[in-house]
Amino acid sequence: MLWNEHKKRETLYIEAMKKDDLGTLRRTCNQGHISALLFQKEIQWIYDYFKCMLNDSDLRDSSVKKSNPISLDKFNDRILIARLLKDTEYSTLHCYQKLLKYLDKDSEESYILQEHIARISDLYEVLAKEVGTVQTWSSTSQMPAYRIAASA
């Protein structure tokens, strides 16, 4: 689940960086792209640790069956692109919260995933500011908690 989310993030950030006139959003897209690549690698290590060699396939094999890649050709507005990226980060954070329920809170794997959540939350907040809202992802609770305030 997380592997596919990060493949989606990677593709989306690459598509976004192809756009002209991104301004400050370009730096955020670059950071998002790099984090997607690094987090995929760390998730692969965790998966390899837990997987059963007889039943589970390699993640690299499953990356070939991508779902419909998102095309940003029809999006020219920087705010719309930022909103789409923000929604993708929300989806990714939600997947992390689901997975954390199954891990021991003191495990190394849980620690790695918490670090991912912290980094993605930072990107989420930057993107939320870009679209004109102040939203914070709370990683301390089991369910996502948001503080939303319309910016004037």
C-alpha atoms as a PDB file:
ATOM      1  CA  MET A   1       0.000   0.000   0.000  1.00  0.00           C
ATOM      2  CA  LEU A   2       2.709   2.493   0.962  1.00  0.00           C
ATOM      3  CA  TRP A   3       4.894   1.447  -1.948  1.00  0.00           C
ATOM      4  CA  ASN A   4       2.089   2.256  -4.395  1.00  0.00           C
ATOM      5  CA  GLU A   5       1.385   5.579  -2.662  1.00  0.00           C
ATOM      6  CA  HIS A   6       5.021   6.600  -3.033  1.00  0.00           C
ATOM      7  CA  LYS A   7       5.104   5.514  -6.686  1.00  0.00           C
ATOM      8  CA  LYS A   8       2.054   7.731  -7.201  1.00  0.00           C
ATOM      9  CA  ARG A   9       3.779  10.604  -5.376  1.00  0.00           C
ATOM     10  CA  GLU A  10       6.940  10.148  -7.425  1.00  0.00           C
ATOM     11  CA  THR A  11       5.036  10.252 -10.712  1.00  0.00           C
ATOM     12  CA  LEU A  12       2.929  13.204  -9.657  1.00  0.00           C
ATOM     13  CA  TYR A  13       5.899  15.285  -8.534  1.00  0.00           C
ATOM     14  CA  ILE A  14       7.756  14.535 -11.774  1.00  0.00           C
ATOM     15  CA  GLU A  15       4.719  15.665 -13.767  1.00  0.00           C
ATOM     16  CA  ALA A  16       4.413  18.814 -11.659  1.00  0.00           C
ATOM     17  CA  MET A  17       8.085  19.718 -12.145  1.00  0.00           C
ATOM     18  CA  LYS A  18       7.590  19.636 -15.917  1.00  0.00           C
ATOM     19  CA  LYS A  19       5.297  22.656 -15.589  1.00  0.00           C
ATOM     20  CA  ASP A  20       6.447  26.207 -16.163  1.00  0.00           C
ATOM     21  CA  ASP A  21       5.753  29.041 -13.744  1.00  0.00           C
ATOM     22  CA  LEU A  22       5.712  26.981 -10.553  1.00  0.00           C
ATOM     23  CA  GLY A  23       7.644  29.579  -8.596  1.00  0.00           C
ATOM     24  CA  THR A  24       8.293  28.489  -5.026  1.00  0.00           C
ATOM     25  CA  LEU A  25       6.235  25.352  -5.612  1.00  0.00           C
ATOM     26  CA  ARG A  26       9.098  23.919  -7.709  1.00  0.00           C
ATOM     27  CA  ARG A  27      11.312  23.549  -4.641  1.00  0.00           C
ATOM     28  CA  THR A  28       8.511  21.785  -2.761  1.00  0.00           C
ATOM     29  CA  CYS A  29       7.982  19.462  -5.725  1.00  0.00           C
ATOM     30  CA  ASN A  30      11.684  18.642  -5.778  1.00  0.00           C
ATOM     31  CA  GLN A  31      11.631  17.838  -2.066  1.00  0.00           C
ATOM     32  CA  GLY A  32       8.513  15.705  -2.512  1.00  0.00           C
ATOM     33  CA  HIS A  33      10.069  13.797  -5.389  1.00  0.00           C
ATOM     34  CA  ILE A  34      13.271  13.080  -3.469  1.00  0.00           C
ATOM     35  CA  SER A  35      11.326  11.989  -0.383  1.00  0.00           C
ATOM     36  CA  ALA A  36       9.172   9.642  -2.487  1.00  0.00           C
ATOM     37  CA  LEU A  37      12.290   7.966  -3.879  1.00  0.00           C
ATOM     38  CA  LEU A  38      14.012   7.660  -0.496  1.00  0.00           C
ATOM     39  CA  PHE A  39      10.893   6.436   1.278  1.00  0.00           C
ATOM     40  CA  GLN A  40      10.311   3.788  -1.399  1.00  0.00           C
ATOM     41  CA  LYS A  41      13.788   2.448  -0.701  1.00  0.00           C
ATOM     42  CA  GLU A  42      13.210   2.353   3.060  1.00  0.00           C
ATOM     43  CA  ILE A  43       9.800   0.708   2.621  1.00  0.00           C
ATOM     44  CA  GLN A  44      11.442  -1.887   0.401  1.00  0.00           C
ATOM     45  CA  TRP A  45      13.927  -2.682   3.192  1.00  0.00           C
ATOM     46  CA  ILE A  46      11.105  -3.020   5.736  1.00  0.00           C
ATOM     47  CA  TYR A  47       9.078  -5.168   3.350  1.00  0.00           C
ATOM     48  CA  ASP A  48      12.048  -7.410   2.627  1.00  0.00           C
ATOM     49  CA  TYR A  49      12.493  -7.923   6.366  1.00  0.00           C
ATOM     50  CA  PHE A  50       8.877  -9.009   6.914  1.00  0.00           C
ATOM     51  CA  LYS A  51       8.010 -10.785   3.681  1.00  0.00           C
ATOM     52  CA  CYS A  52       7.739 -14.523   3.281  1.00  0.00           C
ATOM     53  CA  MET A  53      10.100 -15.636   0.507  1.00  0.00           C
ATOM     54  CA  LEU A  54       7.688 -18.365  -0.587  1.00  0.00           C
ATOM     55  CA  ASN A  55       4.520 -16.269  -0.878  1.00  0.00           C
ATOM     56  CA  ASP A  56       5.368 -12.591  -1.330  1.00  0.00           C
ATOM     57  CA  SER A  57       6.681 -11.078  -4.520  1.00  0.00           C
ATOM     58  CA  ASP A  58       9.365  -8.447  -4.818  1.00  0.00           C
ATOM     59  CA  LEU A  59       8.156  -4.852  -4.658  1.00  0.00           C
ATOM     60  CA  ARG A  60      10.042  -4.012  -7.815  1.00  0.00           C
ATOM     61  CA  ASP A  61       7.898  -6.538  -9.693  1.00  0.00           C
ATOM     62  CA  SER A  62       4.675  -4.920  -8.481  1.00  0.00           C
ATOM     63  CA  SER A  63       5.820  -1.440  -9.449  1.00  0.00           C
ATOM     64  CA  VAL A  64       5.340  -2.389 -13.095  1.00  0.00           C
ATOM     65  CA  LYS A  65       1.573  -2.597 -12.649  1.00  0.00           C
ATOM     66  CA  LYS A  66       1.038   1.097 -12.030  1.00  0.00           C
ATOM     67  CA  SER A  67      -2.467   2.365 -11.778  1.00  0.00           C
ATOM     68  CA  ASN A  68      -3.487   5.076 -14.182  1.00  0.00           C
ATOM     69  CA  PRO A  69      -0.691   7.611 -13.984  1.00  0.00           C
ATOM     70  CA  ILE A  70      -1.934  11.079 -13.205  1.00  0.00           C
ATOM     71  CA  SER A  71      -1.419  13.583 -15.970  1.00  0.00           C
ATOM     72  CA  LEU A  72      -1.128  17.245 -15.134  1.00  0.00           C
ATOM     73  CA  ASP A  73      -1.421  18.339 -18.774  1.00  0.00           C
ATOM     74  CA  LYS A  74      -4.824  19.905 -18.158  1.00  0.00           C
ATOM     75  CA  PHE A  75      -3.653  21.748 -15.034  1.00  0.00           C
ATOM     76  CA  ASN A  76      -1.944  25.074 -15.632  1.00  0.00           C
ATOM     77  CA  ASP A  77      -2.855  26.823 -12.414  1.00  0.00           C
ATOM     78  CA  ARG A  78      -0.206  26.550  -9.718  1.00  0.00           C
ATOM     79  CA  ILE A  79      -2.863  26.522  -6.981  1.00  0.00           C
ATOM     80  CA  LEU A  80      -4.708  23.584  -8.555  1.00  0.00           C
ATOM     81  CA  ILE A  81      -1.462  21.638  -8.860  1.00  0.00           C
ATOM     82  CA  ALA A  82      -0.618  22.399  -5.230  1.00  0.00           C
ATOM     83  CA  ARG A  83      -4.111  21.260  -4.172  1.00  0.00           C
ATOM     84  CA  LEU A  84      -3.695  17.964  -6.056  1.00  0.00           C
ATOM     85  CA  LEU A  85      -0.285  17.427  -4.462  1.00  0.00           C
ATOM     86  CA  LYS A  86      -1.702  18.282  -1.030  1.00  0.00           C
ATOM     87  CA  ASP A  87      -4.516  15.753  -1.496  1.00  0.00           C
ATOM     88  CA  THR A  88      -1.975  13.113  -2.496  1.00  0.00           C
ATOM     89  CA  GLU A  89       0.069  13.812   0.633  1.00  0.00           C
ATOM     90  CA  TYR A  90      -3.109  13.512   2.720  1.00  0.00           C
ATOM     91  CA  SER A  91      -3.821  10.113   1.165  1.00  0.00           C
ATOM     92  CA  THR A  92      -0.253   8.983   1.871  1.00  0.00           C
ATOM     93  CA  LEU A  93      -0.401  10.139   5.498  1.00  0.00           C
ATOM     94  CA  HIS A  94      -3.678   8.291   5.944  1.00  0.00           C
ATOM     95  CA  CYS A  95      -2.048   5.073   4.668  1.00  0.00           C
ATOM     96  CA  TYR A  96       0.772   5.484   7.168  1.00  0.00           C
ATOM     97  CA  GLN A  97      -1.727   5.862  10.018  1.00  0.00           C
ATOM     98  CA  LYS A  98      -3.468   2.648   8.948  1.00  0.00           C
ATOM     99  CA  LEU A  99      -0.184   0.719   8.877  1.00  0.00           C
ATOM    100  CA  LEU A 100       1.111   2.006  12.214  1.00  0.00           C
ATOM    101  CA  LYS A 101      -1.749   0.237  13.990  1.00  0.00           C
ATOM    102  CA  TYR A 102      -0.112  -3.094  13.128  1.00  0.00           C
ATOM    103  CA  LEU A 103       3.420  -2.292  14.282  1.00  0.00           C
ATOM    104  CA  ASP A 104       4.962  -2.303  17.714  1.00  0.00           C
ATOM    105  CA  LYS A 105       5.336   1.355  18.726  1.00  0.00           C
ATOM    106  CA  ASP A 106       8.899   0.785  19.921  1.00  0.00           C
ATOM    107  CA  SER A 107      10.120  -1.053  16.825  1.00  0.00           C
ATOM    108  CA  GLU A 108      12.672   0.314  14.409  1.00  0.00           C
ATOM    109  CA  GLU A 109      10.137   0.001  11.601  1.00  0.00           C
ATOM    110  CA  SER A 110       7.645   2.143  13.499  1.00  0.00           C
ATOM    111  CA  TYR A 111      10.343   4.736  14.114  1.00  0.00           C
ATOM    112  CA  ILE A 112      11.172   4.873  10.383  1.00  0.00           C
ATOM    113  CA  LEU A 113       7.507   5.273   9.472  1.00  0.00           C
ATOM    114  CA  GLN A 114       7.086   8.029  12.079  1.00  0.00           C
ATOM    115  CA  GLU A 115      10.015   9.848  10.468  1.00  0.00           C
ATOM    116  CA  HIS A 116       8.302   9.506   7.084  1.00  0.00           C
ATOM    117  CA  ILE A 117       5.107  10.938   8.566  1.00  0.00           C
ATOM    118  CA  ALA A 118       7.000  13.922   9.964  1.00  0.00           C
ATOM    119  CA  ARG A 119       8.622  14.706   6.600  1.00  0.00           C
ATOM    120  CA  ILE A 120       5.420  14.240   4.601  1.00  0.00           C
ATOM    121  CA  SER A 121       3.522  16.356   7.153  1.00  0.00           C
ATOM    122  CA  ASP A 122       5.976  19.187   6.526  1.00  0.00           C
ATOM    123  CA  LEU A 123       5.328  18.942   2.781  1.00  0.00           C
ATOM    124  CA  TYR A 124       1.595  18.781   3.433  1.00  0.00           C
ATOM    125  CA  GLU A 125       1.701  22.002   5.469  1.00  0.00           C
ATOM    126  CA  VAL A 126       3.755  23.820   2.818  1.00  0.00           C
ATOM    127  CA  LEU A 127       1.270  22.758   0.157  1.00  0.00           C
ATOM    128  CA  ALA A 128      -1.663  23.778   2.373  1.00  0.00           C
ATOM    129  CA  LYS A 129      -0.156  27.258   2.678  1.00  0.00           C
ATOM    130  CA  GLU A 130       0.290  27.345  -1.088  1.00  0.00           C
ATOM    131  CA  VAL A 131      -3.431  26.740  -1.645  1.00  0.00           C
ATOM    132  CA  GLY A 132      -4.379  29.370   0.902  1.00  0.00           C
ATOM    133  CA  THR A 133      -5.283  27.385   4.008  1.00  0.00           C
ATOM    134  CA  VAL A 134      -3.432  26.589   7.174  1.00  0.00           C
ATOM    135  CA  GLN A 135      -3.685  22.856   7.799  1.00  0.00           C
ATOM    136  CA  THR A 136      -1.667  20.766  10.190  1.00  0.00           C
ATOM    137  CA  TRP A 137      -1.427  17.006  10.203  1.00  0.00           C
ATOM    138  CA  SER A 138      -1.314  15.716  13.771  1.00  0.00           C
ATOM    139  CA  SER A 139       0.829  12.594  13.910  1.00  0.00           C
ATOM    140  CA  THR A 140       0.302  12.025  17.621  1.00  0.00           C
ATOM    141  CA  SER A 141      -3.206  10.601  17.364  1.00  0.00           C
ATOM    142  CA  GLN A 142      -4.332   7.402  15.696  1.00  0.00           C
ATOM    143  CA  MET A 143      -6.798   9.254  13.508  1.00  0.00           C
ATOM    144  CA  PRO A 144      -5.797  12.334  11.546  1.00  0.00           C
ATOM    145  CA  ALA A 145      -6.623  15.610  13.180  1.00  0.00           C
ATOM    146  CA  TYR A 146      -6.674  18.869  11.309  1.00  0.00           C
ATOM    147  CA  ARG A 147      -6.781  22.476  12.240  1.00  0.00           C
ATOM    148  CA  ILE A 148      -8.150  24.384   9.342  1.00  0.00           C
ATOM    149  CA  ALA A 149      -8.379  28.123   9.168  1.00  0.00           C
ATOM    150  CA  ALA A 150      -9.084  30.061   6.031  1.00  0.00           C
ATOM    151  CA  SER A 151      -6.363  32.553   5.449  1.00  0.00           C
ATOM    152  CA  ALA A 152      -7.439  36.088   4.811  1.00  0.00           C
END
